[in-house]
Protein backbone atom coordinates (compact mmCIF):
# COMPACT_ATOMS: atom_id res chain seq x y z
CA MET A 1 0.39 0.16 0.03
CA ILE A 2 1.07 3.42 -0.56
CA GLN A 3 -0.08 6.50 0.47
CA ILE A 4 0.81 9.86 -0.72
CA PHE A 5 2.02 13.00 1.24
CA VAL A 6 2.75 16.52 -0.62
CA ASP A 7 3.38 19.65 1.43
CA SER A 8 1.31 22.84 0.70
CA GLY A 9 3.74 24.20 -1.76
CA SER A 10 1.33 21.59 -3.77
CA SER A 11 -1.31 23.84 -4.12
CA ILE A 12 -3.63 21.32 -2.89
CA LYS A 13 -5.90 22.42 -1.59
CA GLN A 14 -7.29 20.72 2.56
CA GLU A 15 -10.53 20.47 0.89
CA GLU A 16 -9.41 18.65 -2.17
CA ARG A 17 -7.02 15.61 0.25
CA GLU A 18 -9.98 13.07 -0.79
CA LYS A 19 -10.23 13.83 -4.30
CA TYR A 20 -6.28 13.33 -4.54
CA GLY A 21 -5.79 10.81 -1.70
CA VAL A 22 -3.05 12.91 -0.31
CA GLU A 23 -2.15 14.14 3.52
CA ILE A 24 -1.21 17.69 2.89
CA LEU A 25 1.72 18.58 4.93
CA PRO A 26 1.21 22.49 5.87
CA LEU A 27 4.14 24.63 5.27
CA ARG A 28 4.10 28.19 8.13
CA PHE A 29 4.56 31.58 6.92
CA LEU A 30 5.26 35.07 8.64
CA MET A 31 2.80 38.20 8.32
CA GLY A 32 3.83 41.32 10.19
CA GLU A 33 4.55 39.04 14.28
CA THR A 34 1.77 36.16 13.26
CA GLU A 35 2.68 33.06 12.27
CA TYR A 36 0.20 30.87 9.99
CA ARG A 37 -0.14 27.43 8.72
CA ASP A 38 -0.65 27.26 5.04
CA GLY A 39 -4.11 26.53 4.01
CA ILE A 40 -5.72 26.23 7.47
CA ASP A 41 -5.22 29.11 9.60
CA LEU A 42 -5.67 32.34 7.08
CA THR A 43 -9.00 32.39 4.18
CA MET A 44 -6.90 33.95 0.80
CA ASP A 45 -9.06 36.61 1.11
CA ASP A 46 -7.45 37.83 5.00
CA PHE A 47 -4.35 36.94 3.46
CA TYR A 48 -4.45 39.39 0.13
CA ARG A 49 -6.01 41.76 2.69
CA MET A 50 -2.57 42.18 4.91
CA LEU A 51 -0.44 41.79 1.86
CA ILE A 52 -1.55 44.23 -0.30
CA GLY A 53 -3.38 46.11 2.11
CA LYS A 54 -1.14 46.25 4.52
CA LYS A 55 1.84 45.96 2.63
CA LEU A 56 3.46 42.92 4.43
CA PHE A 57 5.79 41.17 3.02
CA PRO A 58 5.64 37.56 4.36
CA LYS A 59 8.20 35.22 5.23
CA THR A 60 7.91 30.94 4.84
CA SER A 61 9.22 28.34 6.82
CA LEU A 62 9.23 24.31 7.55
CA PRO A 63 5.86 22.71 8.46
CA PHE A 64 6.20 21.76 12.11
CA GLN A 65 8.56 18.68 11.98
CA THR A 66 6.69 16.76 15.26
CA GLU A 67 3.29 16.98 13.53
CA THR A 68 5.08 15.83 10.35
CA VAL A 69 6.68 12.93 11.78
CA GLN A 70 3.91 11.89 13.68
CA ARG A 71 1.29 12.24 10.64
CA VAL A 72 3.79 10.00 8.35
CA GLU A 73 4.65 7.11 11.15
CA ALA A 74 1.24 7.12 11.33
CA TYR A 75 1.40 5.45 8.18
CA THR A 76 4.49 3.39 8.32
CA LYS A 77 3.61 1.80 11.13
CA LYS A 78 0.54 0.41 9.69
CA GLY A 79 2.87 -0.81 7.06
CA TYR A 80 2.12 1.35 4.25
CA ASP A 81 5.37 3.39 2.19
CA VAL A 82 4.93 6.51 2.33
CA VAL A 83 5.84 8.75 -0.71
CA ILE A 84 6.73 12.72 0.26
CA LEU A 85 5.91 14.73 -2.63
CA SER A 86 8.51 17.97 -1.95
CA ILE A 87 8.33 21.44 -3.76
CA SER A 88 11.34 22.08 -5.52
CA SER A 89 14.92 21.98 -3.65
CA LYS A 90 15.93 25.21 -5.81
CA ILE A 91 13.31 27.00 -3.86
CA SER A 92 12.33 25.75 -0.77
CA GLY A 93 14.56 24.05 2.13
CA THR A 94 11.85 21.74 2.55
CA TYR A 95 13.20 18.44 0.65
CA SER A 96 16.56 18.51 2.58
CA ALA A 97 14.41 18.72 6.15
CA PHE A 98 12.15 16.09 4.90
CA CYS A 99 15.35 13.52 4.01
CA SER A 100 16.62 14.66 7.43
CA TRP A 101 13.80 13.29 9.62
CA PHE A 102 12.91 10.57 8.15
CA ALA A 103 16.49 9.16 7.22
CA ASP A 104 16.09 5.95 9.32
CA ASN A 105 12.77 5.26 8.10
CA PRO A 106 12.93 3.24 5.44
CA LYS A 107 9.28 2.89 4.59
CA VAL A 108 9.44 6.77 3.47
CA THR A 109 10.62 8.32 0.01
CA VAL A 110 11.43 11.72 -0.43
CA VAL A 111 11.00 13.41 -4.06
CA ASP A 112 12.73 16.51 -4.45
CA THR A 113 9.92 16.80 -7.18
CA LEU A 114 12.25 20.45 -8.49
CA THR A 115 8.81 22.53 -9.18
CA ALA A 116 5.42 23.34 -7.46
CA VAL A 117 1.63 24.05 -7.29
CA GLY A 118 0.10 22.36 -10.40
CA GLY A 119 3.86 20.38 -10.99
CA VAL A 120 3.07 18.44 -7.67
CA ARG A 121 -0.15 17.71 -9.03
CA LEU A 122 0.69 16.46 -12.03
CA LEU A 123 2.82 13.58 -10.24
CA VAL A 124 -0.07 13.00 -7.78
CA GLU A 125 -2.33 12.35 -10.95
CA GLU A 126 -0.15 9.89 -12.37
CA MET A 127 0.91 8.35 -9.54
CA ASN A 128 -2.79 7.87 -8.69
CA LYS A 129 -3.60 6.26 -12.17
CA HIS A 130 -0.65 3.49 -11.08
CA LEU A 131 -0.85 2.55 -7.61
CA GLU A 132 -2.01 -1.13 -7.39
CA GLU A 133 1.77 -1.00 -8.97
CA PRO A 134 4.74 -2.04 -6.90
CA LEU A 135 6.36 1.01 -5.48
CA LYS A 136 9.60 0.90 -7.53
CA ASP A 137 7.58 1.02 -10.87
CA VAL A 138 5.30 4.18 -9.70
CA LEU A 139 8.44 5.79 -8.52
CA ALA A 140 9.96 5.21 -12.11
CA ARG A 141 6.96 7.02 -13.33
CA VAL A 142 7.06 9.84 -11.30
CA TYR A 143 10.80 10.34 -11.78
CA ALA A 144 10.41 9.98 -15.54
CA LEU A 145 7.86 12.65 -15.57
CA ILE A 146 9.89 15.33 -13.30
CA PRO A 147 11.98 16.94 -16.52
CA ARG A 148 8.97 16.94 -18.29
CA ILE A 149 6.73 19.50 -16.24
CA ARG A 150 6.87 23.13 -17.39
CA VAL A 151 6.00 25.81 -15.63
CA TYR A 152 5.39 28.99 -17.19
CA ALA A 153 4.22 32.29 -15.81
CA ILE A 154 3.84 36.56 -16.10
CA PRO A 155 3.98 37.90 -12.52
CA GLU A 156 2.92 41.40 -12.49
CA THR A 157 6.52 42.58 -10.38
CA LEU A 158 9.00 40.24 -9.84
CA ASN A 159 9.92 41.89 -6.37
CA TYR A 160 8.80 39.77 -4.20
CA LEU A 161 10.40 36.56 -5.98
CA PHE A 162 13.80 38.84 -5.82
CA ARG A 163 13.09 39.75 -1.95
CA GLY A 164 12.31 35.87 -0.89
CA GLY A 165 15.67 35.03 -2.49
CA ARG A 166 14.02 32.67 -5.20
CA LEU A 167 15.06 35.32 -7.93
CA SER A 168 19.12 36.34 -8.28
CA ARG A 169 19.30 40.32 -8.80
CA LYS A 170 20.39 40.54 -12.57
CA GLU A 171 17.50 39.01 -13.55
CA TRP A 172 15.30 41.02 -11.22
CA LEU A 173 16.36 43.94 -13.15
CA ILE A 174 16.14 42.90 -16.54
CA GLY A 175 12.57 41.97 -15.68
CA GLY A 176 12.31 45.85 -14.20
CA LEU A 177 12.71 47.46 -17.23
CA LEU A 178 9.85 49.78 -18.52
CA ASP A 179 6.77 47.77 -19.94
CA ILE A 180 9.09 44.21 -20.49
CA LYS A 181 6.95 42.34 -19.22
CA PRO A 182 8.79 38.81 -18.44
CA VAL A 183 8.24 35.09 -18.67
CA VAL A 184 9.14 33.39 -15.59
CA SER A 185 9.85 29.51 -15.14
CA LEU A 186 10.68 27.09 -11.94
CA ASN A 187 12.52 24.21 -13.61
CA GLU A 188 15.22 21.60 -12.25
CA GLU A 189 17.56 24.97 -12.23
CA GLY A 190 15.16 26.88 -9.95
CA VAL A 191 13.23 30.63 -10.54
CA LYS A 192 14.54 31.39 -14.07
CA VAL A 193 12.88 34.94 -16.72
CA VAL A 194 13.26 32.60 -20.06
CA ALA A 195 11.89 35.06 -22.27
CA LYS A 196 11.28 38.56 -22.11
CA LYS A 197 8.44 40.79 -24.36
CA ARG A 198 7.20 44.21 -24.53
CA GLY A 199 3.85 44.92 -23.66
CA LEU A 200 1.52 42.39 -21.63
CA LYS A 201 -0.29 40.52 -24.87
CA LYS A 202 2.67 39.94 -26.65
CA THR A 203 3.88 38.08 -23.17
CA MET A 204 0.53 36.22 -23.00
CA HIS A 205 0.68 35.19 -26.89
CA LEU A 206 4.35 33.72 -26.29
CA ILE A 207 3.04 31.35 -23.17
CA SER A 208 0.55 29.95 -25.31
CA ASP A 209 2.90 29.69 -28.39
CA LEU A 210 4.74 27.57 -25.57
CA VAL A 211 1.66 25.38 -24.59
CA ALA A 212 0.74 24.70 -28.32
CA GLU A 213 4.57 23.77 -29.09
CA GLN A 214 5.18 21.71 -26.06
CA ALA A 215 2.11 20.45 -24.48
CA ASP A 216 1.17 16.53 -24.39
CA PRO A 217 -2.33 15.88 -24.33
CA ASN A 218 -2.44 13.11 -22.36
CA TYR A 219 -2.25 15.05 -19.55
CA SER A 220 -3.85 18.57 -17.96
CA ILE A 221 -2.70 21.72 -18.22
CA ILE A 222 -3.33 23.72 -15.14
CA PRO A 223 -4.00 27.18 -15.49
CA SER A 224 -3.00 28.93 -12.06
CA TYR A 225 -3.01 32.58 -10.24
CA THR A 226 -2.85 35.07 -7.76
CA TYR A 227 -5.40 36.88 -5.99
CA ASP A 228 -7.48 38.05 -9.58
CA ASP A 229 -8.34 35.91 -12.58
CA ALA A 230 -8.47 37.90 -15.12
CA ASN A 231 -5.39 38.14 -16.68
CA LEU A 232 -5.29 34.53 -16.82
CA LYS A 233 -9.09 34.19 -18.28
CA LEU A 234 -7.36 36.55 -21.38
CA LEU A 235 -4.44 34.42 -21.13
CA ILE A 236 -6.83 31.30 -21.82
CA SER A 237 -8.68 33.38 -24.75
CA MET A 238 -5.02 33.60 -26.56
CA THR A 239 -4.82 30.06 -26.62
CA ASP A 240 -5.67 26.98 -29.29
CA GLU A 241 -9.30 25.93 -28.36
CA LYS A 242 -8.38 22.24 -28.46
CA PHE A 243 -6.42 22.85 -25.32
CA TYR A 244 -9.75 23.95 -23.36
CA PRO A 245 -10.97 20.41 -22.78
CA LEU A 246 -7.35 19.94 -20.86
CA MET A 247 -8.10 22.39 -18.33
CA GLU A 248 -10.26 20.91 -15.71
CA GLU A 249 -10.19 23.59 -13.24
CA TYR A 250 -8.01 26.93 -12.26
CA ASP A 251 -5.97 26.79 -9.31
CA HIS A 252 -5.57 29.82 -7.20
CA LEU A 253 -2.34 29.57 -5.42
CA ASP A 254 -2.08 28.81 -1.67
CA PRO A 255 -0.39 31.84 0.52
CA VAL A 256 2.72 30.38 1.46
CA ILE A 257 3.38 30.08 -2.83
CA ALA A 258 1.85 33.69 -3.51
CA CYS A 259 4.15 35.28 -0.65
CA HIS A 260 7.34 34.61 -3.64
CA TRP A 261 4.59 35.30 -6.99
CA GLY A 262 2.94 38.39 -5.50
CA PRO A 263 -0.71 39.36 -6.75
CA ASN A 264 -1.99 39.07 -9.98
CA ALA A 265 0.81 36.50 -11.20
CA PHE A 266 -0.98 34.18 -13.45
CA GLY A 267 0.28 31.44 -16.48
CA TYR A 268 0.35 27.60 -17.51
CA ILE A 269 1.59 24.35 -15.57
CA PHE A 270 1.82 21.53 -18.09
CA ILE A 271 3.55 17.64 -18.96
CA GLY A 272 6.12 18.82 -22.16
CA LYS A 273 6.15 15.93 -24.72
């Protein structure tokens, strides 16, 4: 038996646990002087009210160690093999922490997904198709899919990624040029500016072209956004209609990820051919 765990950087919501058959380990974030568990202690409306209205810059941190170990070992003691799909080690210390906490438990496998949000969700969907297979075969499928995950997004500003240490100063400066709208990717190298266009609509067309060129139609496409989905809807309208059936739902990203992308970021996450 295999039990999947994800951290809340997967943007799988607490109310989606049963749908995806996962247990969610909440990351934490600090708003002002108060700490919150991601997806549990603060509504999205209240989070953005503080982020935008009070202009707070949040700090993020790991799940609680004791709670995490107890929840995972509750399954391994029943004979389950636990697979933890952690958000990328390139943007968080979560993967290293999980590896340390479960180093002596042979029933726990920690996977560095090298992605986050919808990328992790796509890996969960793939695992759920094959849970009756041996663990090594399921893991082989996961590791084969990881390099094919594509994350392309347009942030309203790069300030949050830069201040949170997820983007270099050089790329922050380039992306901050007047009327230049960068396409930001999350891959095995971390967070990178991969393309730049002058004007928002030209940048949207670029992302829609990337989907047309790269997306594998055998997998879902996950449209994602922070705070306001108006630009996401415009992006979808620019995308070839043949991809619409692959877009099952929008993902309004959880606070711990929105902390770094800032409000009004949007884009697509999908599996490349």
